Amino acid sequence: MAAFSYQALEASGKRVKGVLEGDSERQVRGKLRERGLKPIEVVAVSQRAGQKKNTPVAVSRLRLSMGDLTLLSRQLATLVQSNLPLADALQAVAQQSQRPKVQSMVLQVRSRVLEGHTLAYALAEFPHVFDHLFRSMVAAGEHAGFLGIVLERLADYIETAQATRNKIRMAMLYPAMLVVVAMGVITGLMAFVVPELVRIFTSAQAELPALTRGLIATSDFMAEYGLMTLMALIAAGFGFKQLLTAPSRRKRWHKLLLATPGIRGFLRGAETARFASTLSILIASGVPLLEALRIAANVMDNLVLQESAQSIADAVKEGSSLSVAMLHSGQFPPMMVHMIASGEASGELETMLQRSAGNQERELDMALGTLMGVLEPLMVIVMGGIVLTIVLAVLMPIFDMNSLVK
């Protein structure tokens, strides 16, 4: 049974669309007529508009937000843990969704499951929605017989990752708004206020203070070349981003970031916490250690740390313990290495990995809070100093008005 997307007319003439399952297009049209709908278009989800025949929906590069993916995982986990057959659980999730794209995707996954494929195999048709980590954990859960628990862990993991990202974004929101407002005020002063005052000062034909002359020169530059400068900066940023598409250049940039004081600690802490958390959930889900190490390495954004994690997997494959391999890499915090060594000795590796990831995340939260506590007043002082400089440059000639009149 395949999934078909349709467009139809109600008796009132209103156009509706959705997704139905059926053995053929003709059967789906019959179902629509039974509902009192007049079919306009019925197309198999694997042959959607703009795609070649028999091209899977994955080619459309469908993406889901982290919130949608969390909801889908948790709904499916609840249904599977209720001993509902997987195909029926997928059918229920598709009916629950209000988004046609999600319905089409879930129904296509269900079609593959009905054909006898595993859920992990069916999810592989949507690599931009379900990454390697997600599919590997699902495969391990299916093999071990506790798919519902694994899906619940995945939902928790995605929620935690989303909460961390939102926390960082909210922490940066106030400084970003402060910069935007301050730059707007400064630009307004330089573009509208200063030129009007310049007319008064130049008509006096007297020597102006150095600060005022500098302000006038800056105002003239912004008036003549401000737009060009902004476009050049945008082009430079775009060009830099394009340069980093090459792995070799991106690796050198990541290496530079790891060598930069003030950035390296925060960056290394965030990456290693993500690595430890991912490795913990993979091992707890039954994924073999070597495969778990390679998957966890891929969730790290920094290429230098990613290669280091891959070298750890190679060392473990050759017989080294995980803690020793991490120690020799020199990229992981000593506390994390000691906790992992304790976990290996006690047989509770996944627990210690989770605890070490939690410790790293708490340290990051503290560091982020401290950074924001220092950065916010510092930015106020800097922006206030810039505005004060502009005001002084304008007022100094006025205070010296007697000499200007002479």
Protein backbone atom coordinates (compact mmCIF):
# COMPACT_ATOMS: atom_id res chain seq x y z
CA MET A 1 0.00 0.00 0.00
CA ALA A 2 1.44 3.35 -1.08
CA ALA A 3 0.82 6.93 0.01
CA PHE A 4 -0.79 9.44 -2.34
CA SER A 5 -1.04 13.21 -1.99
CA TYR A 6 -4.26 14.69 -3.35
CA GLN A 7 -6.04 17.91 -4.15
CA ALA A 8 -9.84 17.91 -4.24
CA LEU A 9 -12.90 20.17 -4.14
CA GLU A 10 -15.54 20.15 -1.44
CA ALA A 11 -19.23 20.60 -2.29
CA SER A 12 -18.87 24.29 -1.44
CA GLY A 13 -16.07 24.64 -4.00
CA LYS A 14 -13.29 24.95 -1.40
CA ARG A 15 -10.00 23.33 -2.43
CA VAL A 16 -8.52 20.87 0.08
CA LYS A 17 -5.37 18.77 0.03
CA GLY A 18 -3.89 15.96 2.07
CA VAL A 19 -2.45 12.46 2.02
CA LEU A 20 -4.20 9.08 1.73
CA GLU A 21 -3.01 5.52 1.50
CA GLY A 22 -4.19 3.15 -1.19
CA ASP A 23 -3.21 0.37 -3.54
CA SER A 24 -3.63 2.57 -6.60
CA GLU A 25 -4.51 6.07 -7.72
CA ARG A 26 -7.96 4.82 -8.75
CA GLN A 27 -8.68 3.47 -5.28
CA VAL A 28 -7.67 6.79 -3.68
CA ARG A 29 -9.97 8.70 -6.03
CA GLY A 30 -12.79 6.35 -4.98
CA LYS A 31 -12.10 7.04 -1.31
CA LEU A 32 -12.22 10.77 -1.97
CA ARG A 33 -15.58 10.47 -3.74
CA GLU A 34 -16.94 8.47 -0.81
CA ARG A 35 -16.04 11.44 1.39
CA GLY A 36 -18.00 13.77 -0.87
CA LEU A 37 -14.89 15.27 -2.47
CA LYS A 38 -14.21 15.79 -6.17
CA PRO A 39 -10.61 14.73 -6.97
CA ILE A 40 -8.53 17.20 -8.95
CA GLU A 41 -5.08 15.64 -8.65
CA VAL A 42 -3.85 12.43 -7.06
CA VAL A 43 -0.10 11.78 -7.12
CA ALA A 44 2.02 9.16 -5.38
CA VAL A 45 4.28 10.78 -2.80
CA SER A 46 7.27 9.28 -4.61
CA GLN A 47 6.22 11.16 -7.76
CA ARG A 48 5.48 14.60 -6.39
CA ALA A 49 5.36 17.62 -8.62
CA GLY A 50 8.76 18.76 -9.78
CA GLN A 51 10.36 15.33 -9.36
CA LYS A 52 11.06 12.61 -11.81
CA LYS A 53 9.04 9.44 -11.67
CA ASN A 54 10.07 6.98 -8.92
CA THR A 55 12.34 9.58 -7.34
CA PRO A 56 12.06 9.31 -3.52
CA VAL A 57 10.89 12.28 -1.48
CA ALA A 58 14.35 12.41 0.13
CA VAL A 59 15.59 14.07 -3.05
CA SER A 60 13.45 17.10 -2.15
CA ARG A 61 15.77 17.66 0.83
CA LEU A 62 12.87 17.77 3.27
CA ARG A 63 13.90 19.14 6.64
CA LEU A 64 12.16 19.25 10.01
CA SER A 65 12.72 21.60 12.89
CA MET A 66 14.11 20.13 16.10
CA GLY A 67 10.72 20.68 17.73
CA ASP A 68 8.89 18.72 15.02
CA LEU A 69 11.45 15.92 15.16
CA THR A 70 11.16 15.73 18.95
CA LEU A 71 7.37 15.56 18.76
CA LEU A 72 7.46 12.87 16.08
CA SER A 73 9.97 10.78 18.07
CA ARG A 74 8.02 11.07 21.31
CA GLN A 75 4.68 10.24 19.69
CA LEU A 76 6.15 7.18 17.99
CA ALA A 77 7.90 6.12 21.22
CA THR A 78 4.63 6.34 23.19
CA LEU A 79 2.74 4.28 20.63
CA VAL A 80 5.46 1.62 20.31
CA GLN A 81 5.77 1.31 24.09
CA SER A 82 2.00 0.76 24.17
CA ASN A 83 2.62 -2.46 22.17
CA LEU A 84 1.00 -1.02 19.05
CA PRO A 85 2.42 -2.56 15.84
CA LEU A 86 4.97 -0.31 14.19
CA ALA A 87 2.95 0.13 10.98
CA ASP A 88 -0.13 1.14 12.98
CA ALA A 89 1.96 3.49 15.12
CA LEU A 90 3.30 5.20 12.00
CA GLN A 91 -0.23 5.47 10.63
CA ALA A 92 -1.39 7.14 13.85
CA VAL A 93 1.55 9.59 13.82
CA ALA A 94 0.75 10.53 10.21
CA GLN A 95 -2.90 11.14 11.07
CA GLN A 96 -1.90 13.24 14.08
CA SER A 97 0.32 15.56 12.05
CA GLN A 98 -1.23 18.67 10.54
CA ARG A 99 1.57 19.24 8.02
CA PRO A 100 1.16 17.52 4.61
CA LYS A 101 4.94 17.15 4.15
CA VAL A 102 5.30 15.34 7.45
CA GLN A 103 2.31 13.14 6.64
CA SER A 104 3.82 12.21 3.28
CA MET A 105 7.16 11.40 4.85
CA VAL A 106 5.72 9.25 7.64
CA LEU A 107 3.42 7.39 5.26
CA GLN A 108 6.30 6.67 2.91
CA VAL A 109 8.29 5.32 5.88
CA ARG A 110 5.25 3.17 6.75
CA SER A 111 5.12 1.87 3.17
CA ARG A 112 8.73 0.68 3.45
CA VAL A 113 7.98 -1.00 6.79
CA LEU A 114 4.98 -2.79 5.26
CA GLU A 115 7.28 -4.01 2.48
CA GLY A 116 9.35 -5.78 5.15
CA HIS A 117 12.16 -3.28 5.65
CA THR A 118 13.37 -2.15 9.06
CA LEU A 119 12.46 1.27 10.39
CA ALA A 120 16.12 2.35 10.24
CA TYR A 121 16.25 1.40 6.55
CA ALA A 122 13.06 3.37 5.85
CA LEU A 123 14.37 6.43 7.70
CA ALA A 124 17.52 6.37 5.57
CA GLU A 125 15.46 7.71 2.65
CA PHE A 126 15.30 11.02 4.54
CA PRO A 127 18.93 11.73 5.53
CA HIS A 128 18.26 15.45 5.95
CA VAL A 129 15.64 14.70 8.59
CA PHE A 130 17.07 11.63 10.32
CA ASP A 131 20.86 11.86 10.62
CA HIS A 132 23.30 8.99 11.07
CA LEU A 133 23.05 9.24 14.86
CA PHE A 134 19.26 8.91 14.79
CA ARG A 135 19.25 5.99 12.35
CA SER A 136 22.02 4.10 14.18
CA MET A 137 20.19 4.32 17.48
CA VAL A 138 16.94 3.18 15.88
CA ALA A 139 18.74 0.24 14.26
CA ALA A 140 20.28 -0.72 17.60
CA GLY A 141 16.89 -0.43 19.32
CA GLU A 142 15.21 -2.63 16.71
CA HIS A 143 17.97 -5.22 17.00
CA ALA A 144 17.84 -5.29 20.81
CA GLY A 145 14.05 -5.21 21.00
CA PHE A 146 13.55 -1.93 22.89
CA LEU A 147 12.77 0.50 20.09
CA GLY A 148 10.31 2.50 22.22
CA ILE A 149 12.92 3.23 24.91
CA VAL A 150 15.48 4.29 22.28
CA LEU A 151 13.00 6.64 20.63
CA GLU A 152 12.23 8.16 24.03
CA ARG A 153 15.95 8.72 24.63
CA LEU A 154 16.28 10.29 21.21
CA ALA A 155 13.45 12.70 21.97
CA ASP A 156 15.13 13.65 25.26
CA TYR A 157 18.47 14.11 23.50
CA ILE A 158 16.98 16.37 20.81
CA GLU A 159 15.12 18.41 23.43
CA THR A 160 18.31 18.90 25.42
CA ALA A 161 20.24 19.98 22.32
CA GLN A 162 17.46 22.40 21.39
CA ALA A 163 17.36 23.84 24.93
CA THR A 164 21.13 24.41 24.85
CA ARG A 165 20.94 26.24 21.53
CA ASN A 166 18.05 28.37 22.72
CA LYS A 167 19.94 29.24 25.89
CA ILE A 168 22.94 30.47 23.91
CA ARG A 169 20.73 32.44 21.52
CA MET A 170 18.85 34.11 24.36
CA ALA A 171 22.13 34.95 26.09
CA MET A 172 23.35 36.68 22.94
CA LEU A 173 20.05 38.44 22.20
CA TYR A 174 20.50 41.40 24.56
CA PRO A 175 24.10 42.21 23.49
CA ALA A 176 23.10 41.93 19.83
CA MET A 177 20.14 44.28 20.29
CA LEU A 178 22.37 46.70 22.20
CA VAL A 179 24.91 46.76 19.38
CA VAL A 180 22.24 47.28 16.73
CA VAL A 181 20.59 50.17 18.62
CA ALA A 182 23.92 51.82 19.44
CA MET A 183 25.16 51.55 15.86
CA GLY A 184 21.86 53.00 14.65
CA VAL A 185 22.20 55.99 17.00
CA ILE A 186 25.82 56.57 16.01
CA THR A 187 25.00 56.30 12.30
CA GLY A 188 22.12 58.74 12.70
CA LEU A 189 24.34 61.26 14.48
CA MET A 190 27.08 60.98 11.90
CA ALA A 191 24.73 61.09 8.90
CA PHE A 192 22.27 63.81 9.95
CA VAL A 193 23.45 65.80 12.97
CA VAL A 194 27.15 66.28 12.28
CA PRO A 195 26.77 67.56 8.67
CA GLU A 196 24.42 70.32 9.87
CA LEU A 197 26.89 71.42 12.53
CA VAL A 198 29.76 71.28 10.06
CA ARG A 199 28.12 74.09 8.07
CA ILE A 200 28.17 76.31 11.14
CA PHE A 201 31.78 75.52 12.00
CA THR A 202 33.14 75.93 8.47
CA SER A 203 31.36 79.28 7.99
CA ALA A 204 33.23 80.61 11.04
CA GLN A 205 36.53 80.03 9.20
CA ALA A 206 38.39 79.26 12.42
CA GLU A 207 40.67 76.41 13.37
CA LEU A 208 38.68 73.55 14.86
CA PRO A 209 39.82 71.16 17.60
CA ALA A 210 41.50 67.96 16.43
CA LEU A 211 38.63 65.85 17.83
CA THR A 212 36.09 67.87 15.83
CA ARG A 213 38.16 67.64 12.64
CA GLY A 214 38.38 63.89 13.08
CA LEU A 215 34.62 63.66 13.58
CA ILE A 216 34.02 65.72 10.43
CA ALA A 217 36.40 63.53 8.43
CA THR A 218 34.64 60.39 9.69
CA SER A 219 31.24 61.87 8.82
CA ASP A 220 32.42 62.75 5.30
CA PHE A 221 33.81 59.26 4.82
CA MET A 222 30.56 57.66 5.94
CA ALA A 223 28.55 59.93 3.66
CA GLU A 224 30.68 59.16 0.60
CA TYR A 225 31.83 55.61 1.18
CA GLY A 226 29.54 54.24 3.91
CA LEU A 227 27.36 52.17 1.58
CA MET A 228 30.39 50.90 -0.35
CA THR A 229 32.12 49.97 2.90
CA LEU A 230 29.04 48.06 4.10
CA MET A 231 28.81 46.19 0.80
CA ALA A 232 32.54 45.42 0.95
CA LEU A 233 32.17 44.01 4.47
CA ILE A 234 29.23 41.84 3.41
CA ALA A 235 31.18 40.63 0.36
CA ALA A 236 34.20 39.90 2.56
CA GLY A 237 32.07 37.89 4.96
CA PHE A 238 30.50 35.94 2.12
CA GLY A 239 33.93 35.34 0.54
CA PHE A 240 35.35 34.15 3.86
CA LYS A 241 32.44 31.74 4.23
CA GLN A 242 33.09 30.42 0.72
CA LEU A 243 36.78 29.95 1.52
CA LEU A 244 35.85 27.81 4.51
CA THR A 245 33.95 25.38 2.30
CA ALA A 246 37.32 23.77 1.50
CA PRO A 247 38.09 21.22 4.26
CA SER A 248 41.78 22.17 4.43
CA ARG A 249 41.04 25.88 4.99
CA ARG A 250 38.23 25.10 7.41
CA LYS A 251 40.56 22.87 9.39
CA ARG A 252 43.18 25.65 9.64
CA TRP A 253 40.47 28.05 10.81
CA HIS A 254 39.25 25.58 13.42
CA LYS A 255 42.83 25.06 14.58
CA LEU A 256 43.22 28.82 14.96
CA LEU A 257 40.03 28.99 17.03
CA LEU A 258 41.34 26.27 19.34
CA ALA A 259 44.55 28.30 19.82
CA THR A 260 42.75 31.56 20.60
CA PRO A 261 42.59 32.40 24.34
CA GLY A 262 39.09 32.94 25.63
CA ILE A 263 37.55 30.98 22.75
CA ARG A 264 39.36 27.66 22.96
CA GLY A 265 38.05 26.78 26.44
CA PHE A 266 34.44 27.48 25.58
CA LEU A 267 34.70 25.76 22.19
CA ARG A 268 36.48 22.67 23.50
CA GLY A 269 34.06 22.38 26.41
CA ALA A 270 30.98 22.58 24.17
CA GLU A 271 32.33 20.07 21.64
CA THR A 272 33.54 17.52 24.19
CA ALA A 273 30.26 17.75 26.12
CA ARG A 274 28.34 17.01 22.92
CA PHE A 275 30.71 14.12 22.15
CA ALA A 276 30.34 12.57 25.61
CA SER A 277 26.56 12.96 25.68
CA THR A 278 26.17 11.41 22.22
CA LEU A 279 28.55 8.56 23.05
CA SER A 280 26.64 7.86 26.25
CA ILE A 281 23.25 7.60 24.59
CA LEU A 282 24.66 5.45 21.77
CA ILE A 283 26.29 2.97 24.15
CA ALA A 284 23.16 2.87 26.35
CA SER A 285 21.12 2.10 23.22
CA GLY A 286 23.28 -0.91 22.39
CA VAL A 287 25.46 0.53 19.62
CA PRO A 288 28.94 -1.11 19.62
CA LEU A 289 31.68 1.11 21.04
CA LEU A 290 33.70 1.49 17.84
CA GLU A 291 30.67 2.45 15.78
CA ALA A 292 29.46 4.73 18.58
CA LEU A 293 32.83 6.52 18.66
CA ARG A 294 32.74 7.19 14.91
CA ILE A 295 29.16 8.43 15.03
CA ALA A 296 29.87 10.64 18.06
CA ALA A 297 32.91 12.09 16.27
CA ASN A 298 30.68 13.27 13.44
CA VAL A 299 28.48 15.36 15.75
CA MET A 300 31.48 17.58 16.52
CA ASP A 301 31.65 20.68 14.32
CA ASN A 302 35.36 21.43 14.82
CA LEU A 303 37.39 19.41 12.30
CA VAL A 304 40.47 19.26 14.55
CA LEU A 305 38.47 17.77 17.42
CA GLN A 306 36.62 15.54 14.96
CA GLU A 307 39.89 14.07 13.68
CA SER A 308 41.05 13.62 17.25
CA ALA A 309 37.89 11.66 18.05
CA GLN A 310 38.40 9.52 14.94
CA SER A 311 41.96 8.77 16.08
CA ILE A 312 40.53 7.67 19.45
CA ALA A 313 38.31 5.18 17.61
CA ASP A 314 41.36 3.85 15.76
CA ALA A 315 43.31 3.51 19.01
CA VAL A 316 40.43 1.62 20.67
CA LYS A 317 40.24 -0.66 17.65
CA GLU A 318 43.92 -1.48 18.14
CA GLY A 319 43.30 -2.49 21.75
CA SER A 320 43.71 0.70 23.76
CA SER A 321 41.22 1.64 26.45
CA LEU A 322 38.95 4.59 25.78
CA SER A 323 40.32 6.68 28.65
CA VAL A 324 43.96 6.15 27.61
CA ALA A 325 43.20 7.02 24.00
CA MET A 326 41.40 10.20 25.08
CA LEU A 327 44.27 11.14 27.37
CA HIS A 328 46.84 10.76 24.57
CA SER A 329 44.74 12.90 22.22
CA GLY A 330 45.22 15.88 24.55
CA GLN A 331 41.90 17.41 23.48
CA PHE A 332 39.62 16.28 26.29
CA PRO A 333 39.34 17.75 29.82
CA PRO A 334 41.25 15.76 32.49
CA MET A 335 38.12 15.44 34.63
CA MET A 336 36.26 13.79 31.76
CA VAL A 337 39.16 11.38 31.14
CA HIS A 338 39.28 10.37 34.83
CA MET A 339 35.53 9.84 35.00
CA ILE A 340 35.61 7.68 31.86
CA ALA A 341 38.48 5.64 33.30
CA SER A 342 36.37 5.09 36.43
CA GLY A 343 33.41 4.07 34.27
CA GLU A 344 35.52 1.54 32.36
CA ALA A 345 36.77 0.04 35.62
CA SER A 346 33.30 -0.19 37.19
CA GLY A 347 31.42 -1.25 34.04
CA GLU A 348 29.27 1.91 34.06
CA LEU A 349 30.82 3.69 31.09
CA GLU A 350 27.60 5.18 29.74
CA THR A 351 26.69 6.56 33.19
CA MET A 352 30.08 8.21 33.63
CA LEU A 353 29.95 9.62 30.11
CA GLN A 354 26.59 11.19 30.87
CA ARG A 355 27.85 12.61 34.15
CA SER A 356 30.96 14.06 32.54
CA ALA A 357 28.81 15.61 29.80
CA GLY A 358 26.58 17.10 32.50
CA ASN A 359 29.61 18.52 34.30
CA GLN A 360 30.88 20.09 31.08
CA GLU A 361 27.48 21.61 30.34
CA ARG A 362 27.24 23.10 33.85
CA GLU A 363 30.71 24.59 33.50
CA LEU A 364 29.71 26.02 30.12
CA ASP A 365 26.57 27.56 31.63
CA MET A 366 28.66 29.18 34.36
CA ALA A 367 31.23 30.42 31.85
CA LEU A 368 28.51 31.77 29.57
CA GLY A 369 26.81 33.54 32.47
CA THR A 370 30.10 35.10 33.55
CA LEU A 371 30.90 36.16 29.99
CA MET A 372 27.49 37.79 29.55
CA GLY A 373 27.79 39.45 32.96
CA VAL A 374 31.06 41.07 31.87
CA LEU A 375 30.18 41.68 28.24
CA GLU A 376 26.91 43.55 28.75
CA PRO A 377 28.26 46.39 30.95
CA LEU A 378 31.44 46.49 28.87
CA MET A 379 29.42 47.06 25.71
CA VAL A 380 27.40 49.78 27.44
CA ILE A 381 30.64 51.49 28.44
CA VAL A 382 32.14 51.22 24.95
CA MET A 383 29.03 52.49 23.19
CA GLY A 384 28.63 55.25 25.76
CA GLY A 385 32.24 56.25 25.20
CA ILE A 386 31.67 56.50 21.45
CA VAL A 387 28.57 58.66 21.91
CA LEU A 388 30.42 60.81 24.47
CA THR A 389 33.25 61.34 21.98
CA ILE A 390 30.79 62.51 19.34
CA VAL A 391 29.08 64.87 21.80
CA LEU A 392 32.41 66.34 22.95
CA ALA A 393 33.54 66.82 19.35
CA VAL A 394 30.37 68.80 18.70
CA LEU A 395 30.39 70.80 21.95
CA MET A 396 34.08 71.77 22.09
CA PRO A 397 33.81 74.32 19.24
CA ILE A 398 30.61 75.69 20.79
CA PHE A 399 32.36 76.16 24.13
CA ASP A 400 35.11 77.97 22.26
CA MET A 401 32.59 80.12 20.38
CA ASN A 402 34.35 83.34 21.31
CA SER A 403 37.48 82.31 19.47
CA LEU A 404 35.41 81.14 16.50
CA VAL A 405 33.72 84.57 16.26
CA LYS A 406 37.08 86.33 16.27
